[in-house]
Amino acid sequence: MNSSLSTVLNETKNHSHISFFYPDQYFVFLSAGVAIVAASTMLLIIHCRLGQRADLILLRGFAVGVIIASLGSATSAVFRMEKLKNVLYPSNPFWCAVARVDSLLLLFGTSGIHFIILLLATERLVQFISSSLHRRLFSTSKVTLAVRLCYLLSGLIVVGYLLDAYLMWDKGFSDCEDITFFTSLPIQACMLTSAITSLSASMLLYLCAFALQYIKSAKRRNCLSQLRTEKEKSVFNATLVAFFVILCLKVLPWTSYVLSYCGILHDDILRASLVMDILFLPISCLMYLAGHPDLSVRVKSVLGKFVCQSCTIRNKTGTEVYAG
């Protein structure tokens, strides 16, 4: 290896400050595993449910994004393991971007998740504005098409990411550990701006929906109207709580990353922010499973059957031991 290549590698490693505080790989594997199991459970429940609501179709798209991003998170942990650090030989930015499959999966999955969250907020707002308008705009076919468009946009973002890396072909060589080597500052800023914009728009839509449903519930006094809106309110409350948890788990780490680059953040806070960023996927999925009425009922039913079977087996075992 010549001296110029060694210099580039050393500079790249010296700038990877955040990766130094990356949590233990086994913690990342555990988090990704929990997220995949939770998302798969969500997909199974939605698939088995008779009839398809618009919010459930969107949550199905959300679960797909969680699985893809979780695979990216697990792959990222593999790349960070000491035993595999020499797998990626020094390459130019484009081949580093292609070889780092974890970055591609994370970018594709999280971009899709952000778009789906925006659609969830829009769907809830339209539901409270007009039921007839909601039926026209959020039919099964239209919502399915919207989910596909979300992931088409995510794919275009990945293509732009790879094109950006290709345009930096003359930057030199690196061992591909530091993502800043094969991702330019403008493209990083664009990706962060896109994510912040979609989450901010989602927050605004949720606040409008919250105000609208409060006004409508105050006007409707008869029992029939309250019964009709009770299900929609419970769905809205579940998605609202899940969204604000997701917002905290995304915004706080992003803020800490920016501050860390400026050198004005304590290392312990940065370490905690990285943990929050990793826990975003499993916690967001578990929040929807526990809060959404259609999903939580099925989960409670399955858990109840499991507990009953465990108690039955334990009682039979105890009876046999006593009889013996």
C-alpha atoms as a PDB file:
ATOM      1  CA  MET A   1       0.000   0.000   0.000  1.00  0.00           C
ATOM      2  CA  ASN A   2       1.551   3.342  -1.016  1.00  0.00           C
ATOM      3  CA  SER A   3       1.910   6.341   1.306  1.00  0.00           C
ATOM      4  CA  SER A   4      -0.882   8.414  -0.275  1.00  0.00           C
ATOM      5  CA  LEU A   5      -3.351   5.549   0.148  1.00  0.00           C
ATOM      6  CA  SER A   6      -2.280   5.096   3.778  1.00  0.00           C
ATOM      7  CA  THR A   7      -2.808   8.800   4.397  1.00  0.00           C
ATOM      8  CA  VAL A   8      -6.324   8.661   2.976  1.00  0.00           C
ATOM      9  CA  LEU A   9      -7.197   5.637   5.123  1.00  0.00           C
ATOM     10  CA  ASN A  10      -5.871   7.266   8.274  1.00  0.00           C
ATOM     11  CA  GLU A  11      -7.765  10.487   7.600  1.00  0.00           C
ATOM     12  CA  THR A  12     -10.944   8.526   6.985  1.00  0.00           C
ATOM     13  CA  LYS A  13     -10.633   6.653  10.282  1.00  0.00           C
ATOM     14  CA  ASN A  14      -9.819   9.811  12.227  1.00  0.00           C
ATOM     15  CA  HIS A  15     -13.050  11.432  11.046  1.00  0.00           C
ATOM     16  CA  SER A  16     -15.291   8.462  12.011  1.00  0.00           C
ATOM     17  CA  HIS A  17     -16.077   9.912  15.449  1.00  0.00           C
ATOM     18  CA  ILE A  18     -19.667   8.691  15.671  1.00  0.00           C
ATOM     19  CA  SER A  19     -18.789   5.115  14.697  1.00  0.00           C
ATOM     20  CA  PHE A  20     -16.406   4.968  17.669  1.00  0.00           C
ATOM     21  CA  PHE A  21     -19.417   5.226  20.013  1.00  0.00           C
ATOM     22  CA  TYR A  22     -21.514   2.698  18.094  1.00  0.00           C
ATOM     23  CA  PRO A  23     -23.198   0.241  20.519  1.00  0.00           C
ATOM     24  CA  ASP A  24     -22.226  -3.400  20.857  1.00  0.00           C
ATOM     25  CA  GLN A  25     -22.956  -5.459  17.739  1.00  0.00           C
ATOM     26  CA  TYR A  26     -24.975  -8.027  19.679  1.00  0.00           C
ATOM     27  CA  PHE A  27     -27.256  -5.263  20.955  1.00  0.00           C
ATOM     28  CA  VAL A  28     -27.812  -4.170  17.354  1.00  0.00           C
ATOM     29  CA  PHE A  29     -28.563  -7.768  16.313  1.00  0.00           C
ATOM     30  CA  LEU A  30     -31.051  -8.126  19.187  1.00  0.00           C
ATOM     31  CA  SER A  31     -32.770  -4.846  18.320  1.00  0.00           C
ATOM     32  CA  ALA A  32     -33.005  -5.777  14.637  1.00  0.00           C
ATOM     33  CA  GLY A  33     -34.316  -9.239  15.528  1.00  0.00           C
ATOM     34  CA  VAL A  34     -37.062  -7.839  17.761  1.00  0.00           C
ATOM     35  CA  ALA A  35     -38.030  -5.341  15.042  1.00  0.00           C
ATOM     36  CA  ILE A  36     -38.236  -8.058  12.376  1.00  0.00           C
ATOM     37  CA  VAL A  37     -40.340 -10.324  14.623  1.00  0.00           C
ATOM     38  CA  ALA A  38     -42.687  -7.440  15.541  1.00  0.00           C
ATOM     39  CA  ALA A  39     -43.031  -6.313  11.910  1.00  0.00           C
ATOM     40  CA  SER A  40     -43.623  -9.891  10.730  1.00  0.00           C
ATOM     41  CA  THR A  41     -46.311 -10.289  13.400  1.00  0.00           C
ATOM     42  CA  MET A  42     -47.945  -7.093  12.156  1.00  0.00           C
ATOM     43  CA  LEU A  43     -47.885  -8.357   8.567  1.00  0.00           C
ATOM     44  CA  LEU A  44     -49.374 -11.707   9.600  1.00  0.00           C
ATOM     45  CA  ILE A  45     -52.210 -10.105  11.581  1.00  0.00           C
ATOM     46  CA  ILE A  46     -53.074  -7.699   8.759  1.00  0.00           C
ATOM     47  CA  HIS A  47     -52.937 -10.518   6.196  1.00  0.00           C
ATOM     48  CA  CYS A  48     -55.302 -12.727   8.247  1.00  0.00           C
ATOM     49  CA  ARG A  49     -57.782  -9.939   8.966  1.00  0.00           C
ATOM     50  CA  LEU A  50     -60.937 -10.025   6.856  1.00  0.00           C
ATOM     51  CA  GLY A  51     -61.457  -6.712   5.084  1.00  0.00           C
ATOM     52  CA  GLN A  52     -58.750  -4.112   4.510  1.00  0.00           C
ATOM     53  CA  ARG A  53     -58.853  -0.700   6.128  1.00  0.00           C
ATOM     54  CA  ALA A  54     -56.708   2.071   4.644  1.00  0.00           C
ATOM     55  CA  ASP A  55     -54.701   2.495   7.850  1.00  0.00           C
ATOM     56  CA  LEU A  56     -53.913  -1.238   7.971  1.00  0.00           C
ATOM     57  CA  ILE A  57     -52.669  -1.232   4.376  1.00  0.00           C
ATOM     58  CA  LEU A  58     -50.390   1.685   5.275  1.00  0.00           C
ATOM     59  CA  LEU A  59     -49.184  -0.139   8.393  1.00  0.00           C
ATOM     60  CA  ARG A  60     -48.405  -3.127   6.199  1.00  0.00           C
ATOM     61  CA  GLY A  61     -46.163  -0.869   4.124  1.00  0.00           C
ATOM     62  CA  PHE A  62     -44.660   0.480   7.352  1.00  0.00           C
ATOM     63  CA  ALA A  63     -43.865  -3.069   8.516  1.00  0.00           C
ATOM     64  CA  VAL A  64     -42.130  -3.847   5.214  1.00  0.00           C
ATOM     65  CA  GLY A  65     -39.955  -0.757   5.662  1.00  0.00           C
ATOM     66  CA  VAL A  66     -39.086  -1.810   9.221  1.00  0.00           C
ATOM     67  CA  ILE A  67     -37.980  -5.259   8.041  1.00  0.00           C
ATOM     68  CA  ILE A  68     -35.797  -3.792   5.267  1.00  0.00           C
ATOM     69  CA  ALA A  69     -34.237  -1.191   7.582  1.00  0.00           C
ATOM     70  CA  SER A  70     -33.681  -3.825  10.297  1.00  0.00           C
ATOM     71  CA  LEU A  71     -31.821  -6.028   7.826  1.00  0.00           C
ATOM     72  CA  GLY A  72     -29.695  -2.987   7.009  1.00  0.00           C
ATOM     73  CA  SER A  73     -29.044  -2.355  10.701  1.00  0.00           C
ATOM     74  CA  ALA A  74     -27.985  -5.976  11.250  1.00  0.00           C
ATOM     75  CA  THR A  75     -25.759  -5.875   8.161  1.00  0.00           C
ATOM     76  CA  SER A  76     -24.181  -2.668   9.451  1.00  0.00           C
ATOM     77  CA  ALA A  77     -23.278  -4.454  12.685  1.00  0.00           C
ATOM     78  CA  VAL A  78     -21.665  -7.238  10.643  1.00  0.00           C
ATOM     79  CA  PHE A  79     -19.505  -4.714   8.787  1.00  0.00           C
ATOM     80  CA  ARG A  80     -18.383  -3.252  12.107  1.00  0.00           C
ATOM     81  CA  MET A  81     -17.240  -6.567  13.560  1.00  0.00           C
ATOM     82  CA  GLU A  82     -13.487  -6.815  13.998  1.00  0.00           C
ATOM     83  CA  LYS A  83     -13.287 -10.132  12.148  1.00  0.00           C
ATOM     84  CA  LEU A  84     -14.818  -8.697   8.967  1.00  0.00           C
ATOM     85  CA  LYS A  85     -13.116  -5.321   8.798  1.00  0.00           C
ATOM     86  CA  ASN A  86     -10.692  -6.581   6.167  1.00  0.00           C
ATOM     87  CA  VAL A  87     -13.420  -7.978   3.891  1.00  0.00           C
ATOM     88  CA  LEU A  88     -13.840  -4.656   2.068  1.00  0.00           C
ATOM     89  CA  TYR A  89     -10.578  -3.768   0.369  1.00  0.00           C
ATOM     90  CA  PRO A  90      -9.725  -0.110  -0.328  1.00  0.00           C
ATOM     91  CA  SER A  91     -12.080   1.076  -3.066  1.00  0.00           C
ATOM     92  CA  ASN A  92     -13.253   4.288  -4.692  1.00  0.00           C
ATOM     93  CA  PRO A  93     -16.424   5.998  -3.386  1.00  0.00           C
ATOM     94  CA  PHE A  94     -18.809   4.333  -5.853  1.00  0.00           C
ATOM     95  CA  TRP A  95     -17.717   0.781  -5.104  1.00  0.00           C
ATOM     96  CA  CYS A  96     -17.765   1.568  -1.391  1.00  0.00           C
ATOM     97  CA  ALA A  97     -21.377   2.742  -1.718  1.00  0.00           C
ATOM     98  CA  VAL A  98     -22.295  -0.437  -3.616  1.00  0.00           C
ATOM     99  CA  ALA A  99     -20.420  -2.719  -1.213  1.00  0.00           C
ATOM    100  CA  ARG A 100     -21.982  -1.144   1.865  1.00  0.00           C
ATOM    101  CA  VAL A 101     -25.313  -2.918   1.402  1.00  0.00           C
ATOM    102  CA  ASP A 102     -26.270  -1.890   4.938  1.00  0.00           C
ATOM    103  CA  SER A 103     -26.379   1.790   3.960  1.00  0.00           C
ATOM    104  CA  LEU A 104     -28.525   1.022   0.909  1.00  0.00           C
ATOM    105  CA  LEU A 105     -31.015  -1.052   2.931  1.00  0.00           C
ATOM    106  CA  LEU A 106     -31.200   1.513   5.732  1.00  0.00           C
ATOM    107  CA  LEU A 107     -31.696   4.394   3.304  1.00  0.00           C
ATOM    108  CA  PHE A 108     -34.376   2.551   1.307  1.00  0.00           C
ATOM    109  CA  GLY A 109     -36.229   1.272   4.388  1.00  0.00           C
ATOM    110  CA  THR A 110     -36.187   4.446   6.469  1.00  0.00           C
ATOM    111  CA  SER A 111     -37.153   6.634   3.497  1.00  0.00           C
ATOM    112  CA  GLY A 112     -40.156   4.400   2.893  1.00  0.00           C
ATOM    113  CA  ILE A 113     -41.067   4.557   6.590  1.00  0.00           C
ATOM    114  CA  HIS A 114     -41.003   8.369   6.577  1.00  0.00           C
ATOM    115  CA  PHE A 115     -43.287   8.534   3.523  1.00  0.00           C
ATOM    116  CA  ILE A 116     -45.691   5.978   5.021  1.00  0.00           C
ATOM    117  CA  ILE A 117     -45.894   7.948   8.281  1.00  0.00           C
ATOM    118  CA  LEU A 118     -46.822  11.036   6.255  1.00  0.00           C
ATOM    119  CA  LEU A 119     -49.576   9.061   4.510  1.00  0.00           C
ATOM    120  CA  LEU A 120     -50.859   7.755   7.857  1.00  0.00           C
ATOM    121  CA  ALA A 121     -51.197  11.322   9.126  1.00  0.00           C
ATOM    122  CA  THR A 122     -52.953  12.405   5.920  1.00  0.00           C
ATOM    123  CA  GLU A 123     -55.344   9.446   6.087  1.00  0.00           C
ATOM    124  CA  ARG A 124     -56.373  10.228   9.665  1.00  0.00           C
ATOM    125  CA  LEU A 125     -56.950  13.914   8.861  1.00  0.00           C
ATOM    126  CA  VAL A 126     -59.120  13.143   5.811  1.00  0.00           C
ATOM    127  CA  GLN A 127     -61.119  10.637   7.885  1.00  0.00           C
ATOM    128  CA  PHE A 128     -62.092  13.385  10.341  1.00  0.00           C
ATOM    129  CA  ILE A 129     -62.775  15.923   7.568  1.00  0.00           C
ATOM    130  CA  SER A 130     -65.234  13.786   5.602  1.00  0.00           C
ATOM    131  CA  SER A 131     -66.040  10.071   5.609  1.00  0.00           C
ATOM    132  CA  SER A 132     -67.228  10.158   1.996  1.00  0.00           C
ATOM    133  CA  LEU A 133     -64.064  11.959   0.875  1.00  0.00           C
ATOM    134  CA  HIS A 134     -62.021   9.393   2.799  1.00  0.00           C
ATOM    135  CA  ARG A 135     -63.748   6.516   0.985  1.00  0.00           C
ATOM    136  CA  ARG A 136     -62.979   8.094  -2.394  1.00  0.00           C
ATOM    137  CA  LEU A 137     -59.357   9.015  -1.711  1.00  0.00           C
ATOM    138  CA  PHE A 138     -58.335   6.056   0.428  1.00  0.00           C
ATOM    139  CA  SER A 139     -59.871   3.079  -1.313  1.00  0.00           C
ATOM    140  CA  THR A 140     -57.956  -0.207  -1.121  1.00  0.00           C
ATOM    141  CA  SER A 141     -56.536   0.101  -4.638  1.00  0.00           C
ATOM    142  CA  LYS A 142     -55.486   3.746  -4.225  1.00  0.00           C
ATOM    143  CA  VAL A 143     -53.797   3.169  -0.869  1.00  0.00           C
ATOM    144  CA  THR A 144     -51.925   0.134  -2.224  1.00  0.00           C
ATOM    145  CA  LEU A 145     -50.765   2.253  -5.170  1.00  0.00           C
ATOM    146  CA  ALA A 146     -49.688   5.034  -2.776  1.00  0.00           C
ATOM    147  CA  VAL A 147     -47.574   2.592  -0.755  1.00  0.00           C
ATOM    148  CA  ARG A 148     -45.874   1.390  -3.929  1.00  0.00           C
ATOM    149  CA  LEU A 149     -45.187   4.988  -4.951  1.00  0.00           C
ATOM    150  CA  CYS A 150     -43.606   5.601  -1.539  1.00  0.00           C
ATOM    151  CA  TYR A 151     -41.114   2.821  -2.127  1.00  0.00           C
ATOM    152  CA  LEU A 152     -40.592   3.929  -5.716  1.00  0.00           C
ATOM    153  CA  LEU A 153     -39.545   7.333  -4.355  1.00  0.00           C
ATOM    154  CA  SER A 154     -37.313   5.560  -1.835  1.00  0.00           C
ATOM    155  CA  GLY A 155     -35.704   3.673  -4.708  1.00  0.00           C
ATOM    156  CA  LEU A 156     -35.071   6.942  -6.547  1.00  0.00           C
ATOM    157  CA  ILE A 157     -33.397   8.316  -3.414  1.00  0.00           C
ATOM    158  CA  VAL A 158     -31.088   5.281  -3.368  1.00  0.00           C
ATOM    159  CA  VAL A 159     -30.298   5.814  -7.070  1.00  0.00           C
ATOM    160  CA  GLY A 160     -29.434   9.455  -6.341  1.00  0.00           C
ATOM    161  CA  TYR A 161     -27.251   8.298  -3.454  1.00  0.00           C
ATOM    162  CA  LEU A 162     -25.324   5.924  -5.752  1.00  0.00           C
ATOM    163  CA  LEU A 163     -25.059   8.568  -8.487  1.00  0.00           C
ATOM    164  CA  ASP A 164     -23.574  10.988  -5.964  1.00  0.00           C
ATOM    165  CA  ALA A 165     -20.969   8.380  -4.998  1.00  0.00           C
ATOM    166  CA  TYR A 166     -20.181   7.741  -8.673  1.00  0.00           C
ATOM    167  CA  LEU A 167     -19.528  11.456  -9.268  1.00  0.00           C
ATOM    168  CA  MET A 168     -16.881  11.350  -6.519  1.00  0.00           C
ATOM    169  CA  TRP A 169     -14.807   8.712  -8.348  1.00  0.00           C
ATOM    170  CA  ASP A 170     -11.657  10.877  -8.205  1.00  0.00           C
ATOM    171  CA  LYS A 171     -11.733  11.270  -4.411  1.00  0.00           C
ATOM    172  CA  GLY A 172      -9.224   8.449  -3.838  1.00  0.00           C
ATOM    173  CA  PHE A 173      -9.500   5.153  -1.984  1.00  0.00           C
ATOM    174  CA  SER A 174     -10.841   4.060   1.377  1.00  0.00           C
ATOM    175  CA  ASP A 175     -11.612   0.872   3.317  1.00  0.00           C
ATOM    176  CA  CYS A 176     -15.314   1.942   3.238  1.00  0.00           C
ATOM    177  CA  GLU A 177     -15.728   2.210   7.017  1.00  0.00           C
ATOM    178  CA  ASP A 178     -16.597   5.911   7.019  1.00  0.00           C
ATOM    179  CA  ILE A 179     -19.825   6.758   5.191  1.00  0.00           C
ATOM    180  CA  THR A 180     -18.702  10.372   4.693  1.00  0.00           C
ATOM    181  CA  PHE A 181     -16.033   9.100   2.275  1.00  0.00           C
ATOM    182  CA  PHE A 182     -18.631   8.004  -0.302  1.00  0.00           C
ATOM    183  CA  THR A 183     -21.469  10.408   0.551  1.00  0.00           C
ATOM    184  CA  SER A 184     -21.044  14.112  -0.189  1.00  0.00           C
ATOM    185  CA  LEU A 185     -22.164  16.779   2.263  1.00  0.00           C
ATOM    186  CA  PRO A 186     -24.920  18.113  -0.076  1.00  0.00           C
ATOM    187  CA  ILE A 187     -26.510  14.664  -0.461  1.00  0.00           C
ATOM    188  CA  GLN A 188     -26.341  14.119   3.311  1.00  0.00           C
ATOM    189  CA  ALA A 189     -28.040  17.484   3.816  1.00  0.00           C
ATOM    190  CA  CYS A 190     -30.719  16.611   1.226  1.00  0.00           C
ATOM    191  CA  MET A 191     -31.487  13.263   2.879  1.00  0.00           C
ATOM    192  CA  LEU A 192     -31.702  14.836   6.325  1.00  0.00           C
ATOM    193  CA  THR A 193     -33.849  17.711   5.019  1.00  0.00           C
ATOM    194  CA  SER A 194     -36.208  15.264   3.300  1.00  0.00           C
ATOM    195  CA  ALA A 195     -36.639  13.244   6.494  1.00  0.00           C
ATOM    196  CA  ILE A 196     -37.166  16.323   8.664  1.00  0.00           C
ATOM    197  CA  THR A 197     -39.650  17.791   6.164  1.00  0.00           C
ATOM    198  CA  SER A 198     -41.760  14.617   5.995  1.00  0.00           C
ATOM    199  CA  LEU A 199     -41.836  14.224   9.789  1.00  0.00           C
ATOM    200  CA  SER A 200     -42.624  17.926  10.291  1.00  0.00           C
ATOM    201  CA  ALA A 201     -45.467  17.731   7.771  1.00  0.00           C
ATOM    202  CA  SER A 202     -46.752  14.603   9.534  1.00  0.00           C
ATOM    203  CA  MET A 203     -46.697  16.403  12.873  1.00  0.00           C
ATOM    204  CA  LEU A 204     -48.650  19.348  11.433  1.00  0.00           C
ATOM    205  CA  LEU A 205     -51.266  17.021   9.916  1.00  0.00           C
ATOM    206  CA  TYR A 206     -51.645  15.088  13.168  1.00  0.00           C
ATOM    207  CA  LEU A 207     -52.134  18.310  15.128  1.00  0.00           C
ATOM    208  CA  CYS A 208     -54.810  19.436  12.646  1.00  0.00           C
ATOM    209  CA  ALA A 209     -56.517  16.042  12.889  1.00  0.00           C
ATOM    210  CA  PHE A 210     -56.389  16.182  16.689  1.00  0.00           C
ATOM    211  CA  ALA A 211     -58.011  19.624  16.743  1.00  0.00           C
ATOM    212  CA  LEU A 212     -60.653  18.559  14.220  1.00  0.00           C
ATOM    213  CA  GLN A 213     -61.633  15.377  16.032  1.00  0.00           C
ATOM    214  CA  TYR A 214     -61.843  17.300  19.327  1.00  0.00           C
ATOM    215  CA  ILE A 215     -64.207  19.856  17.761  1.00  0.00           C
ATOM    216  CA  LYS A 216     -66.367  17.169  16.150  1.00  0.00           C
ATOM    217  CA  SER A 217     -66.578  15.070  19.319  1.00  0.00           C
ATOM    218  CA  ALA A 218     -67.692  18.157  21.262  1.00  0.00           C
ATOM    219  CA  LYS A 219     -70.473  18.880  18.741  1.00  0.00           C
ATOM    220  CA  ARG A 220     -71.793  15.324  18.516  1.00  0.00           C
ATOM    221  CA  ARG A 221     -73.948  14.610  21.528  1.00  0.00           C
ATOM    222  CA  ASN A 222     -76.066  11.630  20.460  1.00  0.00           C
ATOM    223  CA  CYS A 223     -74.895   8.126  21.311  1.00  0.00           C
ATOM    224  CA  LEU A 224     -75.053   6.848  17.724  1.00  0.00           C
ATOM    225  CA  SER A 225     -72.596   9.459  16.455  1.00  0.00           C
ATOM    226  CA  GLN A 226     -70.243   8.765  19.336  1.00  0.00           C
ATOM    227  CA  LEU A 227     -70.321   5.030  18.643  1.00  0.00           C
ATOM    228  CA  ARG A 228     -69.550   5.606  14.975  1.00  0.00           C
ATOM    229  CA  THR A 229     -66.491   7.716  15.727  1.00  0.00           C
ATOM    230  CA  GLU A 230     -65.198   5.689  18.680  1.00  0.00           C
ATOM    231  CA  LYS A 231     -63.258   3.251  16.480  1.00  0.00           C
ATOM    232  CA  GLU A 232     -61.738   6.039  14.385  1.00  0.00           C
ATOM    233  CA  LYS A 233     -60.737   7.947  17.520  1.00  0.00           C
ATOM    234  CA  SER A 234     -59.049   4.882  19.011  1.00  0.00           C
ATOM    235  CA  VAL A 235     -57.128   4.299  15.773  1.00  0.00           C
ATOM    236  CA  PHE A 236     -56.163   7.970  15.652  1.00  0.00           C
ATOM    237  CA  ASN A 237     -55.003   8.024  19.281  1.00  0.00           C
ATOM    238  CA  ALA A 238     -52.850   4.937  18.705  1.00  0.00           C
ATOM    239  CA  THR A 239     -51.193   6.370  15.593  1.00  0.00           C
ATOM    240  CA  LEU A 240     -50.764   9.770  17.259  1.00  0.00           C
ATOM    241  CA  VAL A 241     -48.960   8.351  20.304  1.00  0.00           C
ATOM    242  CA  ALA A 242     -46.807   6.108  18.112  1.00  0.00           C
ATOM    243  CA  PHE A 243     -45.909   9.050  15.878  1.00  0.00           C
ATOM    244  CA  PHE A 244     -44.706  11.278  18.717  1.00  0.00           C
ATOM    245  CA  VAL A 245     -42.624   8.428  20.141  1.00  0.00           C
ATOM    246  CA  ILE A 246     -41.121   7.956  16.675  1.00  0.00           C
ATOM    247  CA  LEU A 247     -40.545  11.707  16.415  1.00  0.00           C
ATOM    248  CA  CYS A 248     -38.575  11.739  19.674  1.00  0.00           C
ATOM    249  CA  LEU A 249     -36.565   8.666  18.673  1.00  0.00           C
ATOM    250  CA  LYS A 250     -35.584  10.324  15.375  1.00  0.00           C
ATOM    251  CA  VAL A 251     -35.198  14.031  16.149  1.00  0.00           C
ATOM    252  CA  LEU A 252     -33.082  13.684  19.298  1.00  0.00           C
ATOM    253  CA  PRO A 253     -30.414  11.499  17.623  1.00  0.00           C
ATOM    254  CA  TRP A 254     -30.334  13.760  14.551  1.00  0.00           C
ATOM    255  CA  THR A 255     -29.790  16.790  16.776  1.00  0.00           C
ATOM    256  CA  SER A 256     -27.004  15.066  18.677  1.00  0.00           C
ATOM    257  CA  TYR A 257     -25.254  14.045  15.439  1.00  0.00           C
ATOM    258  CA  VAL A 258     -25.201  17.638  14.229  1.00  0.00           C
ATOM    259  CA  LEU A 259     -23.881  18.835  17.585  1.00  0.00           C
ATOM    260  CA  SER A 260     -21.238  16.105  17.642  1.00  0.00           C
ATOM    261  CA  TYR A 261     -19.844  17.271  14.301  1.00  0.00           C
ATOM    262  CA  CYS A 262     -19.590  20.744  15.823  1.00  0.00           C
ATOM    263  CA  GLY A 263     -17.707  19.268  18.787  1.00  0.00           C
ATOM    264  CA  ILE A 264     -20.110  20.640  21.423  1.00  0.00           C
ATOM    265  CA  LEU A 265     -21.720  17.402  22.623  1.00  0.00           C
ATOM    266  CA  HIS A 266     -20.727  15.174  25.534  1.00  0.00           C
ATOM    267  CA  ASP A 267     -19.719  11.643  24.546  1.00  0.00           C
ATOM    268  CA  ASP A 268     -22.259   9.986  26.855  1.00  0.00           C
ATOM    269  CA  ILE A 269     -25.117  11.909  25.214  1.00  0.00           C
ATOM    270  CA  LEU A 270     -23.896  10.848  21.776  1.00  0.00           C
ATOM    271  CA  ARG A 271     -23.727   7.224  22.915  1.00  0.00           C
ATOM    272  CA  ALA A 272     -27.285   7.409  24.284  1.00  0.00           C
ATOM    273  CA  SER A 273     -28.480   9.009  21.039  1.00  0.00           C
ATOM    274  CA  LEU A 274     -27.040   6.146  19.009  1.00  0.00           C
ATOM    275  CA  VAL A 275     -28.894   3.674  21.232  1.00  0.00           C
ATOM    276  CA  MET A 276     -32.143   5.622  20.687  1.00  0.00           C
ATOM    277  CA  ASP A 277     -31.578   5.608  16.936  1.00  0.00           C
ATOM    278  CA  ILE A 278     -31.128   1.825  16.950  1.00  0.00           C
ATOM    279  CA  LEU A 279     -34.198   1.261  19.159  1.00  0.00           C
ATOM    280  CA  PHE A 280     -36.383   3.331  16.813  1.00  0.00           C
ATOM    281  CA  LEU A 281     -37.320   0.336  14.641  1.00  0.00           C
ATOM    282  CA  PRO A 282     -38.439  -2.174  17.316  1.00  0.00           C
ATOM    283  CA  ILE A 283     -40.130   0.424  19.533  1.00  0.00           C
ATOM    284  CA  SER A 284     -42.117   1.987  16.673  1.00  0.00           C
ATOM    285  CA  CYS A 285     -43.404  -1.432  15.600  1.00  0.00           C
ATOM    286  CA  LEU A 286     -44.282  -2.477  19.156  1.00  0.00           C
ATOM    287  CA  MET A 287     -46.116   0.821  19.691  1.00  0.00           C
ATOM    288  CA  TYR A 288     -48.416   0.144  16.736  1.00  0.00           C
ATOM    289  CA  LEU A 289     -48.949  -3.475  17.797  1.00  0.00           C
ATOM    290  CA  ALA A 290     -49.867  -2.475  21.341  1.00  0.00           C
ATOM    291  CA  GLY A 291     -51.901   0.636  20.512  1.00  0.00           C
ATOM    292  CA  HIS A 292     -53.838  -0.033  17.304  1.00  0.00           C
ATOM    293  CA  PRO A 293     -57.211  -1.625  18.226  1.00  0.00           C
ATOM    294  CA  ASP A 294     -57.250  -4.145  15.360  1.00  0.00           C
ATOM    295  CA  LEU A 295     -53.675  -5.252  16.018  1.00  0.00           C
ATOM    296  CA  SER A 296     -53.704  -5.193  19.823  1.00  0.00           C
ATOM    297  CA  VAL A 297     -56.853  -7.366  20.022  1.00  0.00           C
ATOM    298  CA  ARG A 298     -55.187 -10.087  17.942  1.00  0.00           C
ATOM    299  CA  VAL A 299     -51.947  -9.857  19.928  1.00  0.00           C
ATOM    300  CA  LYS A 300     -53.818 -10.138  23.240  1.00  0.00           C
ATOM    301  CA  SER A 301     -55.788 -13.095  21.887  1.00  0.00           C
ATOM    302  CA  VAL A 302     -52.636 -14.953  20.843  1.00  0.00           C
ATOM    303  CA  LEU A 303     -50.870 -14.168  24.129  1.00  0.00           C
ATOM    304  CA  GLY A 304     -53.952 -15.284  26.074  1.00  0.00           C
ATOM    305  CA  LYS A 305     -54.035 -18.628  24.256  1.00  0.00           C
ATOM    306  CA  PHE A 306     -50.301 -19.082  24.832  1.00  0.00           C
ATOM    307  CA  VAL A 307     -50.643 -18.398  28.566  1.00  0.00           C
ATOM    308  CA  CYS A 308     -53.620 -20.778  28.847  1.00  0.00           C
ATOM    309  CA  GLN A 309     -51.720 -23.557  27.063  1.00  0.00           C
ATOM    310  CA  SER A 310     -48.695 -23.019  29.314  1.00  0.00           C
ATOM    311  CA  CYS A 311     -50.907 -23.223  32.420  1.00  0.00           C
ATOM    312  CA  THR A 312     -52.578 -26.401  31.118  1.00  0.00           C
ATOM    313  CA  ILE A 313     -49.240 -28.097  30.437  1.00  0.00           C
ATOM    314  CA  ARG A 314     -47.929 -27.063  33.867  1.00  0.00           C
ATOM    315  CA  ASN A 315     -51.046 -28.397  35.610  1.00  0.00           C
ATOM    316  CA  LYS A 316     -50.860 -31.717  33.754  1.00  0.00           C
ATOM    317  CA  THR A 317     -47.190 -32.103  34.658  1.00  0.00           C
ATOM    318  CA  GLY A 318     -47.921 -31.364  38.311  1.00  0.00           C
ATOM    319  CA  THR A 319     -50.769 -33.914  38.370  1.00  0.00           C
ATOM    320  CA  GLU A 320     -48.586 -36.637  36.856  1.00  0.00           C
ATOM    321  CA  VAL A 321     -45.803 -36.002  39.362  1.00  0.00           C
ATOM    322  CA  TYR A 322     -48.277 -36.108  42.260  1.00  0.00           C
ATOM    323  CA  ALA A 323     -49.840 -39.339  40.962  1.00  0.00           C
ATOM    324  CA  GLY A 324     -46.429 -40.930  40.613  1.00  0.00           C
END
